[in-house]
């Protein structure tokens, strides 16, 4: 039985809380992840910088997810393998 009497207060009250809880439950798939929240031009530059530092061919790096926030801000998660094989 689920207790719905709190009306959304407490644990998981905001989308960020929910995202944080879900991120903690991610399976141990071997990838390292970094999440950034930046204005759009800085987000593009950071993604390019990340991919130059950790090339996709060697580290299977890439943008795992992204979303647009108010104020032309982008929140995105980059992932890569810890070592190149």
C-alpha atoms as a PDB file:
ATOM      1  CA  UNK A   1       0.000   0.000   0.000  1.00  0.00           C
ATOM      2  CA  UNK A   2       1.280   3.463  -0.907  1.00  0.00           C
ATOM      3  CA  UNK A   3       0.840   6.383   1.499  1.00  0.00           C
ATOM      4  CA  UNK A   4      -0.101   9.423  -0.576  1.00  0.00           C
ATOM      5  CA  UNK A   5      -1.164  11.591   2.354  1.00  0.00           C
ATOM      6  CA  UNK A   6       1.918  13.845   2.304  1.00  0.00           C
ATOM      7  CA  UNK A   7       0.978  15.516  -0.966  1.00  0.00           C
ATOM      8  CA  UNK A   8       4.461  15.477  -2.507  1.00  0.00           C
ATOM      9  CA  UNK A   9       6.299  16.851   0.511  1.00  0.00           C
ATOM     10  CA  UNK A  10       9.431  15.269   1.872  1.00  0.00           C
ATOM     11  CA  UNK A  11      11.511  12.811  -0.092  1.00  0.00           C
ATOM     12  CA  UNK A  12      11.526  13.478  -3.826  1.00  0.00           C
ATOM     13  CA  UNK A  13       9.692  16.789  -3.592  1.00  0.00           C
ATOM     14  CA  UNK A  14      11.465  18.372  -6.588  1.00  0.00           C
ATOM     15  CA  UNK A  15      12.506  17.086 -10.023  1.00  0.00           C
ATOM     16  CA  UNK A  16      16.160  17.519  -9.036  1.00  0.00           C
ATOM     17  CA  UNK A  17      15.620  15.310  -5.963  1.00  0.00           C
ATOM     18  CA  UNK A  18      14.079  12.654  -8.173  1.00  0.00           C
ATOM     19  CA  UNK A  19      16.923  12.899 -10.703  1.00  0.00           C
ATOM     20  CA  UNK A  20      19.493  12.587  -7.914  1.00  0.00           C
ATOM     21  CA  UNK A  21      17.786   9.485  -6.502  1.00  0.00           C
ATOM     22  CA  UNK A  22      17.592   7.870  -9.938  1.00  0.00           C
ATOM     23  CA  UNK A  23      21.243   8.698 -10.658  1.00  0.00           C
ATOM     24  CA  UNK A  24      22.299   6.920  -7.472  1.00  0.00           C
ATOM     25  CA  UNK A  25      20.473   3.780  -8.637  1.00  0.00           C
ATOM     26  CA  UNK A  26      22.313   3.584 -11.967  1.00  0.00           C
ATOM     27  CA  UNK A  27      23.789   0.144 -12.599  1.00  0.00           C
ATOM     28  CA  UNK A  28      27.524  -0.373 -12.307  1.00  0.00           C
ATOM     29  CA  UNK A  29      28.090  -0.482 -16.067  1.00  0.00           C
ATOM     30  CA  UNK A  30      31.681   0.699 -15.931  1.00  0.00           C
ATOM     31  CA  UNK A  31      31.034   4.203 -17.238  1.00  0.00           C
ATOM     32  CA  UNK A  32      32.135   7.356 -15.425  1.00  0.00           C
ATOM     33  CA  UNK A  33      29.610  10.181 -15.604  1.00  0.00           C
ATOM     34  CA  UNK A  34      29.847  13.929 -15.136  1.00  0.00           C
ATOM     35  CA  UNK A  35      26.836  16.242 -15.075  1.00  0.00           C
ATOM     36  CA  UNK A  36      27.120  19.922 -16.001  1.00  0.00           C
ATOM     37  CA  UNK A  37      24.652  22.821 -15.889  1.00  0.00           C
ATOM     38  CA  UNK A  38      25.841  25.671 -18.089  1.00  0.00           C
ATOM     39  CA  UNK A  39      24.576  28.412 -20.405  1.00  0.00           C
ATOM     40  CA  UNK A  40      24.124  27.044 -23.952  1.00  0.00           C
ATOM     41  CA  UNK A  41      27.392  28.408 -25.488  1.00  0.00           C
ATOM     42  CA  UNK A  42      29.459  27.213 -22.501  1.00  0.00           C
ATOM     43  CA  UNK A  43      27.701  23.815 -22.620  1.00  0.00           C
ATOM     44  CA  UNK A  44      28.717  23.358 -26.260  1.00  0.00           C
ATOM     45  CA  UNK A  45      32.303  24.308 -25.449  1.00  0.00           C
ATOM     46  CA  UNK A  46      32.404  21.936 -22.436  1.00  0.00           C
ATOM     47  CA  UNK A  47      31.051  19.035 -24.511  1.00  0.00           C
ATOM     48  CA  UNK A  48      33.679  19.654 -27.207  1.00  0.00           C
ATOM     49  CA  UNK A  49      36.400  19.884 -24.556  1.00  0.00           C
ATOM     50  CA  UNK A  50      35.244  16.607 -22.973  1.00  0.00           C
ATOM     51  CA  UNK A  51      35.193  14.789 -26.316  1.00  0.00           C
ATOM     52  CA  UNK A  52      38.649  16.090 -27.223  1.00  0.00           C
ATOM     53  CA  UNK A  53      40.047  14.940 -23.868  1.00  0.00           C
ATOM     54  CA  UNK A  54      38.253  11.561 -23.994  1.00  0.00           C
ATOM     55  CA  UNK A  55      37.845  10.553 -27.688  1.00  0.00           C
ATOM     56  CA  UNK A  56      34.794   8.451 -28.488  1.00  0.00           C
ATOM     57  CA  UNK A  57      36.819   5.829 -30.367  1.00  0.00           C
ATOM     58  CA  UNK A  58      38.956   5.061 -27.318  1.00  0.00           C
ATOM     59  CA  UNK A  59      36.646   5.774 -24.366  1.00  0.00           C
ATOM     60  CA  UNK A  60      33.137   5.301 -25.875  1.00  0.00           C
ATOM     61  CA  UNK A  61      32.460   8.825 -24.619  1.00  0.00           C
ATOM     62  CA  UNK A  62      29.397  10.875 -25.454  1.00  0.00           C
ATOM     63  CA  UNK A  63      26.434  12.861 -24.231  1.00  0.00           C
ATOM     64  CA  UNK A  64      24.267  10.465 -22.251  1.00  0.00           C
ATOM     65  CA  UNK A  65      21.362  12.844 -21.634  1.00  0.00           C
ATOM     66  CA  UNK A  66      20.527  16.526 -21.739  1.00  0.00           C
ATOM     67  CA  UNK A  67      17.679  18.893 -21.007  1.00  0.00           C
ATOM     68  CA  UNK A  68      16.952  22.550 -21.550  1.00  0.00           C
ATOM     69  CA  UNK A  69      16.350  24.636 -18.423  1.00  0.00           C
ATOM     70  CA  UNK A  70      14.920  28.161 -18.163  1.00  0.00           C
ATOM     71  CA  UNK A  71      17.231  30.989 -19.149  1.00  0.00           C
ATOM     72  CA  UNK A  72      18.843  29.160 -22.101  1.00  0.00           C
ATOM     73  CA  UNK A  73      20.708  26.876 -19.697  1.00  0.00           C
ATOM     74  CA  UNK A  74      21.503  23.259 -20.537  1.00  0.00           C
ATOM     75  CA  UNK A  75      21.949  20.419 -18.054  1.00  0.00           C
ATOM     76  CA  UNK A  76      23.756  17.473 -19.594  1.00  0.00           C
ATOM     77  CA  UNK A  77      25.531  14.306 -18.554  1.00  0.00           C
ATOM     78  CA  UNK A  78      28.676  13.105 -20.315  1.00  0.00           C
ATOM     79  CA  UNK A  79      29.870   9.538 -19.957  1.00  0.00           C
ATOM     80  CA  UNK A  80      33.086   7.685 -20.749  1.00  0.00           C
ATOM     81  CA  UNK A  81      34.943   4.536 -19.894  1.00  0.00           C
ATOM     82  CA  UNK A  82      37.674   4.966 -17.250  1.00  0.00           C
ATOM     83  CA  UNK A  83      40.465   3.653 -19.506  1.00  0.00           C
ATOM     84  CA  UNK A  84      41.084   3.188 -23.210  1.00  0.00           C
ATOM     85  CA  UNK A  85      41.451  -0.423 -24.302  1.00  0.00           C
END
